[in-house]
Amino acid sequence: MTIAEGSGKERFKSHLRKVGSGEHTSKGLSREEAAEALDLMLHQEATPAQIGAFLIAHRIRRPEPQELTGMLDTYRQLGPKLHSKTDHMAPVCFCMPFDGRTRTAPVYPLTTLVLMALGQPVVLQGGDRMPIKYGITAIDLFRELGVELGGLPLGTVQDGLDNNGFALVHQPDHFAIAESLITYREELGKRPPVASLELLWTPHQGEHLLISGFVHPPTESRAWEALRLAGEAKVITVKGLEGGTDLPIGRACITARVNHGRAQRLILHPRDHDCHARDLEWTDPATWAQQALEALNNSGPLSTALRWNAGAYLWFAGRSATLEAGLERAQEVLQNGTALTVLHQLQSWSKALAMR
């Protein structure tokens, strides 16, 4: 459709009228309208009052799939872009809440190392600590492991994907325009619709497996449709810890494999694979770093969760024929120290960058 002409403020007003008209008269935006609305917010062409009103109204009525797809179009256009070489394996792209973790000990950085040890590339993205949780983030966790990923040019991040099979896109460094909306999270005290978008977006373009976390069932079904409209071919949705992509070991794991929009429900039971235990609580960064190193040495309180997550994601990525085979491969990597070797290689790479 054709977007109305006029100033950004006036164009945005028409979008605000649609989503903020009340329970009986509000309407969903088209894909094109949602894309323009987010573009106007990111470029600050809408006023602060308009942006705040839009974000809270859109949260209350919940974004529709085509609206999420339109917002995703804008992120794909304006955001950083990574590509894999034609002869390289398609990466696994983990999409999780940007405001981090506060209750449970993260496993995904360690899962990343196990996947890398078996030749599976991984792409992560996130930011600094932000509202509303101000939880621990990916860049914080890798820093605790001796890998500094902040302040890198996007070209260096691309080189890391090409040469190490790993990339972390850091919003303050690589997508500064998106930082403009963070203050609204604090002032509104709620996650805005862009937080749902962050669970669907990856900076990697081309073939990949996208892993998207969720909390509430309606969020998952909207994600399926939004990603189908966006042309994402291979998706795994996960009711993970704190809305992220870490599979719990304290309960059944509700997941789905989505192929071109068609979802196959997969319920995984860690108890059936000798992986059942209480999910470890988050304490502090130093304690987590010690637990992480123990897990990479196949011991300590995070080891079971790491084996479960690494094994499951090897299976999801097609690197093992069955979940059982994936768990066995993960166990081998942890026993022979290969994942720890990958960490040491990343540490050396990070130190070499710092000396330039």
Protein backbone atom coordinates (compact mmCIF):
# COMPACT_ATOMS: atom_id res chain seq x y z
CA MET A 1 0.00 0.00 0.00
CA THR A 2 1.00 3.64 -0.33
CA ILE A 3 2.01 5.43 2.86
CA ALA A 4 0.47 8.88 3.32
CA GLU A 5 2.68 11.85 2.53
CA GLY A 6 3.48 14.62 4.99
CA SER A 7 5.83 15.27 7.87
CA GLY A 8 6.99 12.38 10.00
CA LYS A 9 4.96 13.73 12.90
CA GLU A 10 1.76 13.81 10.85
CA ARG A 11 2.35 10.41 9.25
CA PHE A 12 3.01 8.87 12.64
CA LYS A 13 -0.20 10.37 13.99
CA SER A 14 -2.22 8.24 11.58
CA HIS A 15 -0.48 5.08 12.81
CA LEU A 16 -1.06 6.09 16.43
CA ARG A 17 -4.78 6.63 15.78
CA LYS A 18 -5.09 3.07 14.53
CA VAL A 19 -3.43 1.29 17.45
CA GLY A 20 -4.57 3.66 20.20
CA SER A 21 -8.28 4.12 19.49
CA GLY A 22 -9.56 1.79 22.19
CA GLU A 23 -10.79 -1.75 22.59
CA HIS A 24 -13.51 -1.65 19.97
CA THR A 25 -12.12 0.67 17.30
CA SER A 26 -8.35 0.11 17.29
CA LYS A 27 -6.95 -1.67 14.25
CA GLY A 28 -3.79 -3.47 13.38
CA LEU A 29 -1.34 -1.76 11.10
CA SER A 30 -0.43 -3.22 7.76
CA ARG A 31 3.06 -4.60 7.31
CA GLU A 32 4.10 -1.46 5.45
CA GLU A 33 2.57 0.85 8.07
CA ALA A 34 4.28 -0.96 10.93
CA ALA A 35 7.60 -0.75 9.09
CA GLU A 36 7.17 3.00 8.63
CA ALA A 37 6.04 3.52 12.23
CA LEU A 38 9.20 1.91 13.58
CA ASP A 39 11.35 3.79 11.07
CA LEU A 40 9.83 7.09 12.24
CA MET A 41 10.47 6.19 15.87
CA LEU A 42 14.07 5.14 15.28
CA HIS A 43 14.82 8.31 13.35
CA GLN A 44 13.06 10.44 16.00
CA GLU A 45 10.70 11.90 13.40
CA ALA A 46 7.82 11.09 15.75
CA THR A 47 7.69 13.15 18.92
CA PRO A 48 8.55 11.63 22.32
CA ALA A 49 4.89 11.90 23.35
CA GLN A 50 3.83 10.05 20.20
CA ILE A 51 6.46 7.34 20.65
CA GLY A 52 5.53 6.71 24.28
CA ALA A 53 1.82 6.60 23.46
CA PHE A 54 2.39 4.24 20.56
CA LEU A 55 4.57 1.84 22.51
CA ILE A 56 2.22 1.48 25.45
CA ALA A 57 -0.92 1.29 23.27
CA HIS A 58 0.70 -1.31 21.05
CA ARG A 59 1.77 -3.33 24.09
CA ILE A 60 -1.76 -3.31 25.52
CA ARG A 61 -3.40 -4.51 22.31
CA ARG A 62 -0.45 -6.78 21.40
CA PRO A 63 1.25 -6.54 17.99
CA GLU A 64 -0.24 -8.66 15.23
CA PRO A 65 1.97 -10.94 13.10
CA GLN A 66 2.06 -8.66 10.06
CA GLU A 67 2.99 -5.74 12.31
CA LEU A 68 5.91 -7.69 13.75
CA THR A 69 6.98 -8.58 10.22
CA GLY A 70 6.85 -4.93 9.19
CA MET A 71 9.00 -3.96 12.17
CA LEU A 72 11.35 -6.78 11.25
CA ASP A 73 11.59 -5.33 7.74
CA THR A 74 12.82 -2.06 9.25
CA TYR A 75 15.40 -3.78 11.44
CA ARG A 76 16.65 -5.74 8.45
CA GLN A 77 16.97 -2.53 6.42
CA LEU A 78 18.57 -0.31 9.06
CA GLY A 79 20.44 -2.80 11.23
CA PRO A 80 23.86 -4.43 10.89
CA LYS A 81 24.22 -7.30 8.46
CA LEU A 82 26.34 -10.43 8.62
CA HIS A 83 26.78 -13.02 5.87
CA SER A 84 28.24 -16.50 5.69
CA LYS A 85 30.60 -17.54 2.94
CA THR A 86 29.05 -19.81 0.35
CA ASP A 87 31.20 -22.76 1.37
CA HIS A 88 30.57 -22.32 5.11
CA MET A 89 27.94 -24.04 7.20
CA ALA A 90 24.75 -22.12 7.97
CA PRO A 91 24.87 -20.70 11.51
CA VAL A 92 22.54 -21.16 14.44
CA CYS A 93 21.19 -17.71 15.40
CA PHE A 94 19.99 -17.38 18.99
CA CYS A 95 17.36 -14.67 19.63
CA MET A 96 16.67 -13.89 23.27
CA PRO A 97 15.55 -10.96 25.45
CA PHE A 98 17.97 -8.06 25.25
CA ASP A 99 17.34 -7.10 28.89
CA GLY A 100 19.14 -10.18 30.08
CA ARG A 101 18.79 -12.72 32.87
CA THR A 102 18.28 -12.19 36.59
CA ARG A 103 16.90 -15.43 38.05
CA THR A 104 18.59 -18.40 36.41
CA ALA A 105 22.21 -19.09 35.46
CA PRO A 106 22.68 -18.71 31.67
CA VAL A 107 23.97 -21.67 29.69
CA TYR A 108 23.91 -20.33 26.12
CA PRO A 109 27.52 -19.00 26.06
CA LEU A 110 28.72 -22.49 26.96
CA THR A 111 26.33 -24.13 24.50
CA THR A 112 27.86 -21.83 21.89
CA LEU A 113 31.35 -23.14 22.69
CA VAL A 114 30.25 -26.78 22.41
CA LEU A 115 28.56 -26.13 19.07
CA MET A 116 31.67 -24.34 17.81
CA ALA A 117 33.83 -27.26 18.94
CA LEU A 118 31.85 -29.44 16.55
CA GLY A 119 32.11 -26.99 13.66
CA GLN A 120 28.68 -25.39 14.05
CA PRO A 121 28.79 -21.58 13.60
CA VAL A 122 26.78 -19.44 16.03
CA VAL A 123 25.48 -15.86 15.86
CA LEU A 124 24.33 -13.97 18.96
CA GLN A 125 23.07 -10.44 19.46
CA GLY A 126 22.25 -8.21 22.39
CA GLY A 127 23.09 -4.99 24.14
CA ASP A 128 24.32 -3.59 27.41
CA ARG A 129 22.25 -3.97 30.56
CA MET A 130 18.93 -2.32 29.91
CA PRO A 131 15.44 -1.90 31.37
CA ILE A 132 13.30 -3.39 32.50
CA LYS A 133 15.33 -6.22 34.04
CA TYR A 134 18.87 -4.90 33.77
CA GLY A 135 19.90 -8.53 33.69
CA ILE A 136 23.23 -10.09 32.80
CA THR A 137 23.81 -10.02 29.04
CA ALA A 138 25.80 -12.01 26.51
CA ILE A 139 28.63 -9.47 26.31
CA ASP A 140 28.90 -9.47 30.12
CA LEU A 141 29.09 -13.26 30.27
CA PHE A 142 31.77 -13.59 27.59
CA ARG A 143 33.73 -10.85 29.34
CA GLU A 144 33.64 -12.99 32.50
CA LEU A 145 35.11 -15.81 30.42
CA GLY A 146 37.98 -13.59 29.26
CA VAL A 147 36.58 -12.77 25.82
CA GLU A 148 36.03 -9.05 25.17
CA LEU A 149 33.50 -8.52 22.39
CA GLY A 150 32.61 -4.88 22.97
CA GLY A 151 33.90 -2.03 20.84
CA LEU A 152 34.61 -4.16 17.78
CA PRO A 153 33.90 -2.80 14.29
CA LEU A 154 31.29 -4.78 12.41
CA GLY A 155 33.96 -5.87 9.93
CA THR A 156 35.88 -7.51 12.77
CA VAL A 157 32.71 -9.26 13.89
CA GLN A 158 32.27 -10.54 10.33
CA ASP A 159 35.87 -11.76 10.32
CA GLY A 160 35.14 -13.61 13.57
CA LEU A 161 32.23 -15.38 11.94
CA ASP A 162 34.34 -16.25 8.91
CA ASN A 163 37.38 -17.47 10.83
CA ASN A 164 36.06 -18.60 14.22
CA GLY A 165 32.49 -19.55 13.40
CA PHE A 166 31.20 -17.09 15.99
CA ALA A 167 29.79 -13.56 16.03
CA LEU A 168 28.13 -11.35 18.63
CA VAL A 169 26.45 -8.21 17.33
CA HIS A 170 26.41 -5.61 20.10
CA GLN A 171 23.64 -3.05 19.73
CA PRO A 172 25.54 -0.02 21.13
CA ASP A 173 28.41 -0.68 18.72
CA HIS A 174 26.58 -1.87 15.64
CA PHE A 175 22.99 -0.64 15.77
CA ALA A 176 23.17 2.70 17.56
CA ILE A 177 19.90 3.96 16.13
CA ALA A 178 18.04 1.24 18.06
CA GLU A 179 19.52 2.56 21.31
CA SER A 180 17.23 5.59 21.00
CA LEU A 181 14.25 3.59 22.26
CA ILE A 182 15.88 2.28 25.44
CA THR A 183 14.90 5.29 27.54
CA TYR A 184 11.25 4.57 26.78
CA ARG A 185 11.61 1.11 28.35
CA GLU A 186 12.70 2.73 31.59
CA GLU A 187 10.06 5.46 31.53
CA LEU A 188 7.20 3.11 30.65
CA GLY A 189 8.36 0.38 33.01
CA LYS A 190 7.26 -2.29 30.54
CA ARG A 191 8.80 -4.13 27.64
CA PRO A 192 7.63 -2.40 24.44
CA PRO A 193 6.70 -4.25 21.23
CA VAL A 194 10.28 -3.85 20.01
CA ALA A 195 11.23 -6.37 22.72
CA SER A 196 9.10 -8.93 20.88
CA LEU A 197 10.84 -7.92 17.67
CA GLU A 198 14.24 -8.66 19.21
CA LEU A 199 13.16 -12.29 19.65
CA LEU A 200 12.58 -12.56 15.88
CA TRP A 201 15.46 -10.57 14.41
CA THR A 202 18.93 -11.76 13.55
CA PRO A 203 21.61 -9.66 11.84
CA HIS A 204 22.62 -12.71 9.82
CA GLN A 205 21.30 -12.71 6.29
CA GLY A 206 21.05 -15.84 4.22
CA GLU A 207 20.50 -19.44 5.24
CA HIS A 208 20.47 -20.11 8.98
CA LEU A 209 18.54 -21.78 11.78
CA LEU A 210 16.79 -19.14 13.89
CA ILE A 211 16.12 -19.98 17.54
CA SER A 212 13.46 -17.77 19.13
CA GLY A 213 12.58 -17.76 22.83
CA PHE A 214 9.12 -17.03 24.23
CA VAL A 215 7.17 -17.03 27.49
CA HIS A 216 3.45 -17.03 26.67
CA PRO A 217 1.80 -19.38 24.11
CA PRO A 218 0.15 -16.54 22.11
CA THR A 219 3.60 -15.02 21.63
CA GLU A 220 4.79 -18.25 20.03
CA SER A 221 1.95 -18.52 17.52
CA ARG A 222 2.39 -14.87 16.51
CA ALA A 223 6.10 -15.52 16.03
CA TRP A 224 5.40 -18.47 13.73
CA GLU A 225 3.22 -16.34 11.44
CA ALA A 226 5.43 -13.25 11.56
CA LEU A 227 8.52 -15.26 10.66
CA ARG A 228 6.64 -17.07 7.88
CA LEU A 229 5.68 -13.72 6.38
CA ALA A 230 9.29 -12.59 6.74
CA GLY A 231 10.52 -15.60 4.75
CA GLU A 232 12.36 -17.35 7.61
CA ALA A 233 12.55 -20.95 6.43
CA LYS A 234 14.00 -22.78 9.45
CA VAL A 235 12.94 -21.80 12.95
CA ILE A 236 12.92 -23.38 16.40
CA THR A 237 10.74 -21.75 19.07
CA VAL A 238 11.58 -22.46 22.70
CA LYS A 239 9.74 -21.81 25.96
CA GLY A 240 13.09 -21.24 27.56
CA LEU A 241 14.32 -19.94 30.87
CA GLU A 242 13.20 -16.33 31.38
CA GLY A 243 11.93 -16.17 27.81
CA GLY A 244 15.34 -16.99 26.39
CA THR A 245 16.66 -19.95 24.45
CA ASP A 246 18.16 -21.96 27.33
CA LEU A 247 16.25 -25.22 27.65
CA PRO A 248 15.27 -25.95 31.26
CA ILE A 249 16.23 -29.17 32.98
CA GLY A 250 13.76 -28.75 35.85
CA ARG A 251 10.67 -29.26 33.68
CA ALA A 252 9.55 -30.48 30.29
CA CYS A 253 10.81 -28.36 27.40
CA ILE A 254 8.10 -26.96 25.13
CA THR A 255 9.61 -26.41 21.70
CA ALA A 256 8.53 -26.44 18.08
CA ARG A 257 10.30 -27.00 14.80
CA VAL A 258 8.93 -24.61 12.16
CA ASN A 259 9.62 -25.18 8.48
CA HIS A 260 8.33 -22.47 6.13
CA GLY A 261 5.63 -21.57 8.66
CA ARG A 262 4.48 -25.12 9.40
CA ALA A 263 5.04 -25.98 13.06
CA GLN A 264 5.71 -29.39 14.57
CA ARG A 265 5.37 -29.44 18.35
CA LEU A 266 8.26 -31.10 20.19
CA ILE A 267 8.02 -31.76 23.93
CA LEU A 268 11.39 -32.82 25.32
CA HIS A 269 11.69 -34.45 28.73
CA PRO A 270 15.14 -34.12 30.35
CA ARG A 271 14.19 -36.84 32.85
CA ASP A 272 14.03 -39.36 30.00
CA HIS A 273 17.69 -38.63 29.19
CA ASP A 274 19.17 -38.52 32.68
CA CYS A 275 19.34 -34.72 32.53
CA HIS A 276 16.71 -33.79 35.09
CA ALA A 277 17.76 -31.48 37.91
CA ARG A 278 16.84 -28.15 39.42
CA ASP A 279 17.66 -25.21 37.17
CA LEU A 280 20.56 -23.37 38.73
CA GLU A 281 19.83 -19.96 40.23
CA TRP A 282 21.77 -16.86 39.18
CA THR A 283 24.05 -15.52 41.90
CA ASP A 284 26.77 -13.19 40.61
CA PRO A 285 29.15 -12.95 37.62
CA ALA A 286 32.24 -14.32 39.39
CA THR A 287 30.37 -17.37 40.69
CA TRP A 288 28.90 -18.00 37.26
CA ALA A 289 32.33 -17.80 35.62
CA GLN A 290 33.66 -20.46 37.99
CA GLN A 291 30.63 -22.66 37.34
CA ALA A 292 31.05 -22.15 33.61
CA LEU A 293 34.68 -23.30 33.63
CA GLU A 294 33.70 -26.34 35.69
CA ALA A 295 30.96 -27.20 33.20
CA LEU A 296 33.41 -26.95 30.30
CA ASN A 297 35.50 -29.46 32.25
CA ASN A 298 32.43 -31.71 32.50
CA SER A 299 31.79 -31.08 36.19
CA GLY A 300 29.98 -28.73 38.53
CA PRO A 301 26.34 -27.60 38.87
CA LEU A 302 25.97 -26.35 35.27
CA SER A 303 27.29 -29.49 33.58
CA THR A 304 23.94 -31.28 33.23
CA ALA A 305 22.21 -28.21 31.79
CA LEU A 306 25.08 -27.72 29.37
CA ARG A 307 24.98 -31.31 28.12
CA TRP A 308 21.21 -31.09 27.70
CA ASN A 309 21.26 -27.80 25.81
CA ALA A 310 24.25 -28.60 23.62
CA GLY A 311 22.86 -32.02 22.73
CA ALA A 312 19.43 -30.67 21.89
CA TYR A 313 20.77 -27.87 19.71
CA LEU A 314 23.08 -30.24 17.87
CA TRP A 315 19.99 -32.25 17.05
CA PHE A 316 17.92 -29.20 16.11
CA ALA A 317 20.72 -28.02 13.81
CA GLY A 318 20.88 -31.38 12.06
CA ARG A 319 24.35 -32.17 13.39
CA SER A 320 23.08 -35.41 14.93
CA ALA A 321 20.40 -37.81 13.74
CA THR A 322 18.67 -38.08 17.11
CA LEU A 323 18.50 -36.23 20.41
CA GLU A 324 20.31 -39.15 22.05
CA ALA A 325 23.14 -38.91 19.54
CA GLY A 326 23.37 -35.16 20.13
CA LEU A 327 23.69 -35.70 23.87
CA GLU A 328 26.43 -38.25 23.29
CA ARG A 329 28.37 -35.88 21.03
CA ALA A 330 28.05 -33.08 23.56
CA GLN A 331 29.30 -35.38 26.30
CA GLU A 332 32.33 -36.37 24.22
CA VAL A 333 33.28 -32.73 23.59
CA LEU A 334 33.05 -31.93 27.29
CA GLN A 335 35.03 -35.00 28.29
CA ASN A 336 37.86 -34.48 25.83
CA GLY A 337 38.19 -30.75 26.55
CA THR A 338 37.50 -29.53 23.02
CA ALA A 339 34.97 -26.91 24.13
CA LEU A 340 37.48 -25.52 26.62
CA THR A 341 40.05 -25.35 23.81
CA VAL A 342 37.59 -23.27 21.76
CA LEU A 343 37.27 -20.87 24.68
CA HIS A 344 41.06 -20.53 24.86
CA GLN A 345 41.16 -19.80 21.14
CA LEU A 346 38.55 -17.07 21.52
CA GLN A 347 40.50 -15.61 24.44
CA SER A 348 43.64 -15.47 22.30
CA TRP A 349 41.72 -13.88 19.42
CA SER A 350 40.27 -11.27 21.77
CA LYS A 351 43.68 -10.43 23.25
CA ALA A 352 45.22 -10.09 19.80
CA LEU A 353 42.49 -7.62 18.82
CA ALA A 354 43.10 -5.58 21.97
CA MET A 355 46.81 -5.27 21.09
CA ARG A 356 46.21 -3.80 17.64
